[in-house]
């Protein structure tokens, strides 16, 4: 039997505030996660535009962690 895991659907982009609210983090924690490379940002189209977190990359990373987790049956 082959296990199948799919990336859940949802918003493709989130602001820092939306991400913090959805995952119950503080804004400073979200900023630290971005600085550490744990969250990827979509390149800004113009100077001063709001930063947007790439949620597709975030969910793909969570999926990869789940696949590599010792608790997921092979």
C-alpha atoms as a PDB file:
ATOM      1  CA  UNK A   1       0.000   0.000   0.000  1.00  0.00           C
ATOM      2  CA  UNK A   2       1.312   3.428  -0.965  1.00  0.00           C
ATOM      3  CA  UNK A   3       0.575   6.316   1.385  1.00  0.00           C
ATOM      4  CA  UNK A   4      -0.496   9.549  -0.243  1.00  0.00           C
ATOM      5  CA  UNK A   5      -0.067  12.931   1.350  1.00  0.00           C
ATOM      6  CA  UNK A   6      -1.324  16.075  -0.364  1.00  0.00           C
ATOM      7  CA  UNK A   7      -0.474  19.707   0.215  1.00  0.00           C
ATOM      8  CA  UNK A   8      -3.625  21.268   1.678  1.00  0.00           C
ATOM      9  CA  UNK A   9      -5.213  24.100  -0.226  1.00  0.00           C
ATOM     10  CA  UNK A  10      -5.517  27.600   1.133  1.00  0.00           C
ATOM     11  CA  UNK A  11      -4.276  31.112   0.582  1.00  0.00           C
ATOM     12  CA  UNK A  12      -1.187  31.383  -1.594  1.00  0.00           C
ATOM     13  CA  UNK A  13       0.097  34.504   0.159  1.00  0.00           C
ATOM     14  CA  UNK A  14      -0.288  35.987   3.637  1.00  0.00           C
ATOM     15  CA  UNK A  15       0.867  39.177   5.289  1.00  0.00           C
ATOM     16  CA  UNK A  16       2.879  38.949   8.495  1.00  0.00           C
ATOM     17  CA  UNK A  17      -0.261  39.886  10.412  1.00  0.00           C
ATOM     18  CA  UNK A  18      -2.433  37.243   8.733  1.00  0.00           C
ATOM     19  CA  UNK A  19       0.190  34.539   9.328  1.00  0.00           C
ATOM     20  CA  UNK A  20       0.670  35.566  12.965  1.00  0.00           C
ATOM     21  CA  UNK A  21      -3.081  35.467  13.561  1.00  0.00           C
ATOM     22  CA  UNK A  22      -3.634  32.150  11.752  1.00  0.00           C
ATOM     23  CA  UNK A  23      -0.801  30.327  13.547  1.00  0.00           C
ATOM     24  CA  UNK A  24      -0.982  32.226  16.862  1.00  0.00           C
ATOM     25  CA  UNK A  25       2.506  33.724  16.647  1.00  0.00           C
ATOM     26  CA  UNK A  26       3.567  37.229  17.558  1.00  0.00           C
ATOM     27  CA  UNK A  27       4.631  39.562  14.755  1.00  0.00           C
ATOM     28  CA  UNK A  28       8.184  39.566  16.159  1.00  0.00           C
ATOM     29  CA  UNK A  29       8.274  35.746  15.965  1.00  0.00           C
ATOM     30  CA  UNK A  30       7.096  35.856  12.344  1.00  0.00           C
ATOM     31  CA  UNK A  31       9.813  38.403  11.545  1.00  0.00           C
ATOM     32  CA  UNK A  32      12.426  36.159  13.200  1.00  0.00           C
ATOM     33  CA  UNK A  33      11.175  33.197  11.163  1.00  0.00           C
ATOM     34  CA  UNK A  34      11.530  35.231   7.948  1.00  0.00           C
ATOM     35  CA  UNK A  35      15.036  36.413   8.946  1.00  0.00           C
ATOM     36  CA  UNK A  36      16.060  32.809   9.719  1.00  0.00           C
ATOM     37  CA  UNK A  37      14.781  31.606   6.335  1.00  0.00           C
ATOM     38  CA  UNK A  38      12.009  29.493   7.847  1.00  0.00           C
ATOM     39  CA  UNK A  39       9.396  31.489   5.913  1.00  0.00           C
ATOM     40  CA  UNK A  40       9.922  32.545   2.314  1.00  0.00           C
ATOM     41  CA  UNK A  41       8.663  35.855   0.989  1.00  0.00           C
ATOM     42  CA  UNK A  42       7.307  36.657  -2.425  1.00  0.00           C
ATOM     43  CA  UNK A  43       9.544  39.293  -4.034  1.00  0.00           C
ATOM     44  CA  UNK A  44       7.989  42.745  -3.727  1.00  0.00           C
ATOM     45  CA  UNK A  45       6.722  44.318  -6.936  1.00  0.00           C
ATOM     46  CA  UNK A  46       7.489  47.876  -5.856  1.00  0.00           C
ATOM     47  CA  UNK A  47       9.467  49.655  -3.160  1.00  0.00           C
ATOM     48  CA  UNK A  48       7.595  49.876   0.133  1.00  0.00           C
ATOM     49  CA  UNK A  49       5.009  47.250  -0.799  1.00  0.00           C
ATOM     50  CA  UNK A  50       3.800  44.944   1.968  1.00  0.00           C
ATOM     51  CA  UNK A  51       5.748  41.718   2.369  1.00  0.00           C
ATOM     52  CA  UNK A  52       3.827  38.545   1.573  1.00  0.00           C
ATOM     53  CA  UNK A  53       4.674  35.109   2.960  1.00  0.00           C
ATOM     54  CA  UNK A  54       4.714  32.352   0.327  1.00  0.00           C
ATOM     55  CA  UNK A  55       2.228  29.884   1.810  1.00  0.00           C
ATOM     56  CA  UNK A  56       2.722  27.296  -0.936  1.00  0.00           C
ATOM     57  CA  UNK A  57       6.398  27.009   0.029  1.00  0.00           C
ATOM     58  CA  UNK A  58       5.430  26.910   3.715  1.00  0.00           C
ATOM     59  CA  UNK A  59       2.941  24.063   3.213  1.00  0.00           C
ATOM     60  CA  UNK A  60       5.396  22.163   0.980  1.00  0.00           C
ATOM     61  CA  UNK A  61       8.009  22.397   3.754  1.00  0.00           C
ATOM     62  CA  UNK A  62       5.519  21.055   6.303  1.00  0.00           C
ATOM     63  CA  UNK A  63       4.661  18.222   3.911  1.00  0.00           C
ATOM     64  CA  UNK A  64       8.336  17.308   3.542  1.00  0.00           C
ATOM     65  CA  UNK A  65       8.763  17.323   7.318  1.00  0.00           C
ATOM     66  CA  UNK A  66       5.732  15.031   7.615  1.00  0.00           C
ATOM     67  CA  UNK A  67       7.100  12.600   5.052  1.00  0.00           C
ATOM     68  CA  UNK A  68      10.431  12.444   6.908  1.00  0.00           C
ATOM     69  CA  UNK A  69       8.754  12.083  10.308  1.00  0.00           C
ATOM     70  CA  UNK A  70       9.301   8.792  12.107  1.00  0.00           C
ATOM     71  CA  UNK A  71       5.620   8.760  13.100  1.00  0.00           C
ATOM     72  CA  UNK A  72       4.354   8.550   9.529  1.00  0.00           C
ATOM     73  CA  UNK A  73       4.042   4.908   8.502  1.00  0.00           C
ATOM     74  CA  UNK A  74       5.964   3.852   5.423  1.00  0.00           C
END
